[in-house]
Protein backbone atom coordinates (compact mmCIF):
# COMPACT_ATOMS: atom_id res chain seq x y z
CA MET A 1 0.00 0.00 0.00
CA SER A 2 1.19 3.51 -0.72
CA SER A 3 0.03 4.94 2.59
CA PHE A 4 -0.12 3.50 6.07
CA ARG A 5 -2.13 4.43 9.13
CA SER A 6 -0.26 4.89 12.41
CA VAL A 7 -1.08 2.97 15.58
CA ILE A 8 0.72 2.82 18.91
CA LEU A 9 1.38 -0.71 20.17
CA CYS A 10 2.27 -0.44 23.86
CA ALA A 11 3.65 -3.27 25.97
CA ASP A 12 2.63 -2.81 29.59
CA ASP A 13 4.53 -3.85 32.73
CA PHE A 14 8.18 -3.17 31.90
CA GLY A 15 10.05 -3.76 35.16
CA ILE A 16 7.54 -6.08 36.80
CA ALA A 17 9.99 -8.97 36.31
CA ASP A 18 13.19 -9.49 34.36
CA GLY A 19 11.58 -11.96 31.95
CA VAL A 20 8.91 -9.46 30.96
CA SER A 21 11.44 -6.66 30.50
CA ARG A 22 13.70 -8.87 28.39
CA GLY A 23 10.83 -9.87 26.11
CA ILE A 24 9.79 -6.24 25.63
CA VAL A 25 13.33 -5.20 24.74
CA GLU A 26 13.61 -8.02 22.20
CA LEU A 27 10.36 -7.00 20.52
CA ALA A 28 11.32 -3.33 20.45
CA GLY A 29 14.65 -4.22 18.86
CA MET A 30 12.74 -6.01 16.10
CA GLY A 31 10.44 -3.03 15.55
CA ARG A 32 7.45 -5.00 16.82
CA LEU A 33 6.51 -2.51 19.56
CA SER A 34 6.39 1.28 19.60
CA ALA A 35 5.88 2.00 23.33
CA THR A 36 6.23 0.51 26.78
CA GLY A 37 5.08 1.56 30.22
CA ALA A 38 7.46 1.15 33.17
CA MET A 39 6.49 0.09 36.70
CA THR A 40 9.08 2.17 38.52
CA ASN A 41 8.16 1.01 42.02
CA MET A 42 9.26 -2.53 41.16
CA PRO A 43 12.89 -3.61 41.72
CA GLY A 44 13.04 -4.83 38.12
CA TRP A 45 12.81 -1.27 36.82
CA ARG A 46 16.28 -0.31 38.03
CA ARG A 47 17.74 -3.63 36.91
CA ALA A 48 16.38 -3.42 33.37
CA ALA A 49 16.06 0.29 32.55
CA ALA A 50 19.52 0.52 30.94
CA SER A 51 18.40 -1.97 28.28
CA LEU A 52 16.01 0.69 26.98
CA THR A 53 18.79 3.20 26.28
CA PRO A 54 19.61 1.93 22.76
CA LEU A 55 15.89 2.02 21.96
CA ARG A 56 15.15 5.63 22.92
CA ASP A 57 14.70 6.69 19.29
CA ARG A 58 12.62 3.64 18.42
CA MET A 59 9.93 3.58 21.09
CA ALA A 60 8.11 5.79 23.57
CA VAL A 61 8.79 4.96 27.21
CA GLY A 62 6.24 6.04 29.77
CA LEU A 63 5.21 5.59 33.39
CA HIS A 64 2.88 2.67 34.09
CA LEU A 65 1.52 4.09 37.35
CA ASN A 66 1.15 1.26 39.83
CA LEU A 67 -0.96 1.17 42.99
CA THR A 68 -1.84 -2.53 43.13
CA THR A 69 1.35 -4.62 42.76
CA GLY A 70 4.46 -4.69 44.94
CA SER A 71 5.19 -1.93 47.43
CA PRO A 72 5.07 1.86 47.32
CA LEU A 73 8.29 3.83 47.12
CA GLY A 74 7.47 5.64 50.34
CA PRO A 75 5.24 5.21 53.38
CA MET A 76 1.51 5.00 52.71
CA LEU A 77 0.06 4.36 56.14
CA LEU A 78 -3.54 4.52 54.96
CA LEU A 79 -3.41 2.83 51.55
CA ALA A 80 -0.64 0.33 52.28
CA PRO A 81 -0.37 -0.06 56.07
CA SER A 82 1.28 -3.48 55.75
CA GLY A 83 3.91 -2.13 53.36
CA GLY A 84 2.39 -3.66 50.22
CA PHE A 85 -0.17 -2.25 47.83
CA PRO A 86 -3.76 -3.54 48.04
CA SER A 87 -5.09 -5.67 45.21
CA LEU A 88 -7.33 -4.06 42.60
CA LYS A 89 -10.23 -5.94 44.19
CA GLU A 90 -9.54 -4.05 47.43
CA LEU A 91 -8.65 -0.71 45.83
CA LEU A 92 -11.57 -0.39 43.43
CA PRO A 93 -14.50 -0.17 45.89
CA LYS A 94 -12.64 2.37 47.98
CA ALA A 95 -11.95 4.44 44.88
CA LEU A 96 -15.58 4.35 43.79
CA LYS A 97 -16.63 5.52 47.25
CA ARG A 98 -13.94 8.28 47.15
CA ARG A 99 -12.30 6.80 50.24
CA LEU A 100 -8.75 6.68 48.97
CA PRO A 101 -6.12 8.91 50.66
CA ALA A 102 -5.59 11.60 48.05
CA ALA A 103 -2.47 13.11 49.61
CA GLU A 104 -0.76 9.73 49.91
CA ILE A 105 -1.59 8.87 46.32
CA ALA A 106 -0.31 12.20 45.02
CA ALA A 107 2.94 11.70 46.92
CA GLU A 108 3.38 8.20 45.48
CA ILE A 109 2.69 9.42 41.96
CA GLY A 110 5.47 11.92 42.49
CA ARG A 111 7.84 9.25 43.80
CA GLN A 112 7.18 6.96 40.83
CA LEU A 113 7.80 9.85 38.45
CA ASP A 114 11.01 10.68 40.32
CA ALA A 115 12.14 7.06 39.99
CA PHE A 116 11.47 7.21 36.27
CA GLU A 117 13.41 10.41 35.70
CA GLU A 118 16.28 9.42 37.99
CA VAL A 119 16.91 6.17 36.16
CA PHE A 120 15.88 7.05 32.61
CA GLY A 121 17.25 10.58 32.62
CA ALA A 122 14.17 12.16 31.04
CA ALA A 123 10.50 12.72 31.64
CA PRO A 124 8.14 9.93 30.58
CA ALA A 125 6.64 10.24 27.12
CA PHE A 126 3.25 9.28 28.53
CA VAL A 127 1.51 8.09 31.67
CA ASP A 128 -0.97 5.27 32.02
CA GLY A 129 -1.91 2.93 34.85
CA HIS A 130 -1.38 -0.68 35.81
CA GLN A 131 -4.87 -2.20 35.76
CA HIS A 132 -6.01 1.25 34.57
CA VAL A 133 -5.83 2.75 38.09
CA HIS A 134 -4.97 6.18 36.69
CA VAL A 135 -8.59 6.81 35.64
CA LEU A 136 -10.13 5.95 39.03
CA PRO A 137 -11.77 8.56 41.27
CA VAL A 138 -9.28 10.26 43.61
CA VAL A 139 -6.36 8.91 41.57
CA ARG A 140 -7.42 10.79 38.43
CA PRO A 141 -7.42 14.34 39.89
CA ALA A 142 -4.26 13.60 41.87
CA LEU A 143 -2.51 12.56 38.65
CA PHE A 144 -3.58 15.68 36.78
CA ALA A 145 -2.44 17.90 39.66
CA VAL A 146 0.98 16.26 40.01
CA LEU A 147 1.67 16.29 36.28
CA LYS A 148 0.62 19.92 35.91
CA ALA A 149 2.76 20.94 38.88
CA ARG A 150 5.77 19.40 37.11
CA GLY A 151 5.06 21.28 33.90
CA TYR A 152 4.14 18.14 31.99
CA ALA A 153 1.00 19.55 30.38
CA GLY A 154 1.52 19.68 26.63
CA ARG A 155 4.61 17.46 26.88
CA VAL A 156 3.27 14.17 28.22
CA TRP A 157 0.29 12.35 26.79
CA LEU A 158 -2.12 10.19 28.78
CA ARG A 159 -3.77 6.89 27.98
CA ASP A 160 -7.53 6.86 27.73
CA PRO A 161 -8.45 3.16 28.17
CA SER A 162 -11.90 3.57 26.63
CA ASP A 163 -13.24 3.26 23.12
CA ARG A 164 -16.48 3.81 21.24
CA ALA A 165 -19.17 1.41 22.38
CA ALA A 166 -19.76 0.29 18.81
CA ALA A 167 -16.10 -0.63 18.39
CA ILE A 168 -16.03 -2.54 21.68
CA LEU A 169 -19.17 -4.46 20.80
CA ARG A 170 -17.60 -5.58 17.53
CA ARG A 171 -14.71 -7.17 19.45
CA PRO A 172 -15.97 -10.22 21.37
CA ILE A 173 -12.64 -10.96 23.07
CA GLY A 174 -12.47 -9.13 26.39
CA ARG A 175 -15.67 -7.26 25.61
CA ASN A 176 -17.05 -7.25 29.15
CA LYS A 177 -13.79 -6.02 30.63
CA ALA A 178 -13.54 -3.33 27.97
CA LEU A 179 -17.05 -2.09 28.77
CA ILE A 180 -16.29 -1.99 32.50
CA VAL A 181 -13.09 -0.02 31.95
CA LYS A 182 -14.92 2.33 29.57
CA SER A 183 -17.41 3.04 32.36
CA LEU A 184 -14.63 3.69 34.87
CA ALA A 185 -12.85 6.01 32.41
CA ARG A 186 -15.93 8.10 31.61
CA GLY A 187 -14.93 11.75 31.30
CA PHE A 188 -11.20 11.04 31.60
CA ALA A 189 -10.23 12.20 28.11
CA ARG A 190 -12.41 15.32 28.31
CA LYS A 191 -10.83 16.37 31.60
CA ALA A 192 -7.33 15.51 30.39
CA HIS A 193 -7.80 17.75 27.35
CA ALA A 194 -9.11 20.55 29.55
CA GLU A 195 -5.98 20.23 31.69
CA GLY A 196 -3.72 20.45 28.62
CA PHE A 197 -2.92 16.79 27.97
CA ARG A 198 -3.33 14.86 24.74
CA THR A 199 -4.84 11.39 24.77
CA ASN A 200 -5.27 8.53 22.36
CA GLN A 201 -8.64 8.13 20.66
CA GLY A 202 -9.41 4.43 20.34
CA PHE A 203 -8.18 1.69 22.65
CA SER A 204 -8.04 -2.08 22.36
CA GLY A 205 -6.08 -5.16 23.37
CA PHE A 206 -8.16 -6.67 26.17
CA ALA A 207 -7.43 -10.38 26.34
CA PRO A 208 -7.96 -13.37 28.65
CA LEU A 209 -5.12 -14.36 30.97
CA ASP A 210 -5.35 -18.02 29.97
CA LEU A 211 -4.88 -19.60 26.53
CA SER A 212 -8.59 -19.94 25.77
CA VAL A 213 -8.08 -17.59 22.82
CA SER A 214 -4.97 -17.59 20.65
CA ALA A 215 -2.74 -14.53 20.50
CA ALA A 216 -3.34 -14.39 16.76
CA ARG A 217 -7.07 -13.95 17.33
CA VAL A 218 -6.47 -11.41 20.09
CA PHE A 219 -4.36 -9.18 17.87
CA GLU A 220 -6.47 -9.66 14.74
CA GLU A 221 -9.38 -8.32 16.75
CA ALA A 222 -7.39 -5.64 18.59
CA PHE A 223 -6.22 -4.14 15.29
CA SER A 224 -9.77 -3.79 13.98
CA GLY A 225 -12.26 -0.94 14.37
CA LEU A 226 -9.46 1.45 15.29
CA GLY A 227 -10.18 4.99 16.39
CA ALA A 228 -8.73 8.25 15.09
CA ARG A 229 -5.58 8.07 17.27
CA PRO A 230 -5.47 4.37 18.17
CA LEU A 231 -3.53 2.64 20.90
CA VAL A 232 -3.35 -1.13 21.33
CA MET A 233 -2.05 -2.54 24.61
CA CYS A 234 -0.28 -5.87 24.97
CA HIS A 235 1.43 -7.91 27.68
CA PRO A 236 4.27 -9.96 26.19
CA GLY A 237 7.18 -11.42 28.10
CA TYR A 238 9.05 -14.45 29.34
CA VAL A 239 7.78 -16.16 32.49
CA ASP A 240 10.17 -16.44 35.44
CA ASP A 241 9.78 -17.15 39.15
CA GLU A 242 9.59 -13.45 39.95
CA LEU A 243 6.62 -13.00 37.63
CA ARG A 244 4.88 -16.12 39.00
CA SER A 245 4.93 -14.56 42.46
CA LEU A 246 3.42 -11.28 41.28
CA ASP A 247 0.97 -11.68 38.44
CA PRO A 248 -1.63 -14.15 37.12
CA ALA A 249 -0.81 -13.46 33.45
CA LEU A 250 1.78 -16.12 32.65
CA GLU A 251 1.47 -18.35 29.61
CA SER A 252 -0.50 -15.70 27.73
CA ARG A 253 2.59 -13.47 27.90
CA ILE A 254 4.72 -16.08 26.16
CA GLU A 255 2.11 -16.59 23.45
CA GLU A 256 1.85 -12.85 22.83
CA LEU A 257 5.64 -12.61 22.67
CA THR A 258 5.84 -15.46 20.17
CA TYR A 259 3.11 -14.04 17.96
CA LEU A 260 4.52 -10.51 17.93
CA LYS A 261 7.88 -11.92 16.80
CA SER A 262 6.27 -13.89 14.01
CA ASP A 263 5.89 -13.18 10.31
CA ALA A 264 2.13 -13.49 10.86
CA PHE A 265 2.12 -10.27 12.88
CA SER A 266 4.07 -8.26 10.31
CA GLU A 267 1.75 -9.64 7.62
CA LEU A 268 -1.28 -8.56 9.67
CA LEU A 269 0.01 -4.99 9.82
CA GLU A 270 0.75 -5.01 6.10
CA GLN A 271 -2.69 -6.37 5.23
CA ARG A 272 -4.42 -3.78 7.43
CA GLY A 273 -2.31 -0.91 6.08
CA LEU A 274 -0.87 -0.11 9.52
CA ARG A 275 2.50 0.96 10.85
CA LEU A 276 3.63 1.19 14.46
CA ALA A 277 4.29 4.73 15.69
CA GLN A 278 5.57 6.25 18.92
CA THR A 279 3.22 9.24 18.94
CA PHE A 280 -0.08 10.29 17.43
CA SER A 281 1.54 12.76 15.03
CA GLN A 282 3.60 10.25 13.08
């Protein structure tokens, strides 16, 4: 085709475990990813961040804000009294009732941004959230306030994890989860734009954690019905003992990694007239 449409393909969870980080770096080196989000509160971030240095011109690296896995980078006596973050199952109802400690969350957002800049030597290209926590009540306004205070408005873009209802309904895989996240993210993009931040327009990539659906089907569906400024998330990586202790997504990561390395994936992009891009303007 003479012209190609740009889409951001973002691998989440860089730094959660060395196997995941290694898989992401391999894919980026092959040109099979255009962005990754880093979990800077996890020990694996500092171990693996240097491997991103040769890829700075080839992919966008952002902050994958994390409030549900591992431990905070500073004391959070109300949110994490035991020293570890609550699970999403525990965090979500408190967020919906506006019972999260806003000051603690703002401070932790700042610490995770500090950890990003200290290690990477630059501001993140974007910010999103592990398990989409960045769009939740209390977290959302805290994030906007912290980013604006740092002068990030107009420089850093934010992930809107929602899509048009019609597009979601045309994608059976992960449909229910996508609709729930769309509901949680209601108004996020509008407020982000009002605060001076760009967002994607169109979001896909929801997939089961088991192997009930092949990675090929997941990505064939994810790269369909794309919005005006589309972003597709993915979760590739190698499984190691560290990951097994932290996250339920295991074998699906290996299958995604294998598919994204394959000729079938490059052929899919070619057939759909798509190219991977780091930003919305490319």
